[in-house]
Amino acid sequence: MRYLGVDVVDEVVRRNRERYGSEAVDFACLDIIADELPAGDLCLVRQVLQHLSNAEILAVLERTRHYPFVIVTEHLPPEGVTMRPNIDKPHGADTRILDGWGVFLEEAPFRQRIVEVLLDLPAREPLNLPGEHLRTFRIR
């Protein structure tokens, strides 16, 4: 078994290699939007989509279709907050949660089938509003 962690930030990749790298664990600097993704049986996408535009999220969803399993974790606003899901934003370091928005893959324009919610936990440190949570789920 082999694990390959990917991040777009060189410094994060270097730090993770130093701390966690081994014969079975490696890290690479790749852009999930532009670079060819490695082959594998499982793709984990952790708090990435909130930084992307809707067009980029759609591209990522298409690029991950070849994986048998895709598991996504996203930071979401509190339950019950009135909002329109998936308001578009430009690509950048900021996140939708700062505006009280979130990425809801089951809603338009993404319309992904959420097979199973694996975990839903309160955010330890809310970025905007009390009650924010991290949801991890499998799509397809």
Foldseek 3Di string as FASTA:
>chain_A
DAEEAEAQDPVVQVVCCVVPNDPRYHYDHDDLQPDQDDDDQEAEAEAPCQQAFPVSVLSSVVNCVVHNWYKYKHKAAAPPDDDDARDGDHHDPDGCVQVRYIHDCCDPPNNWAFPFWPDKAFDPDRPHDGRIIMTMTITD
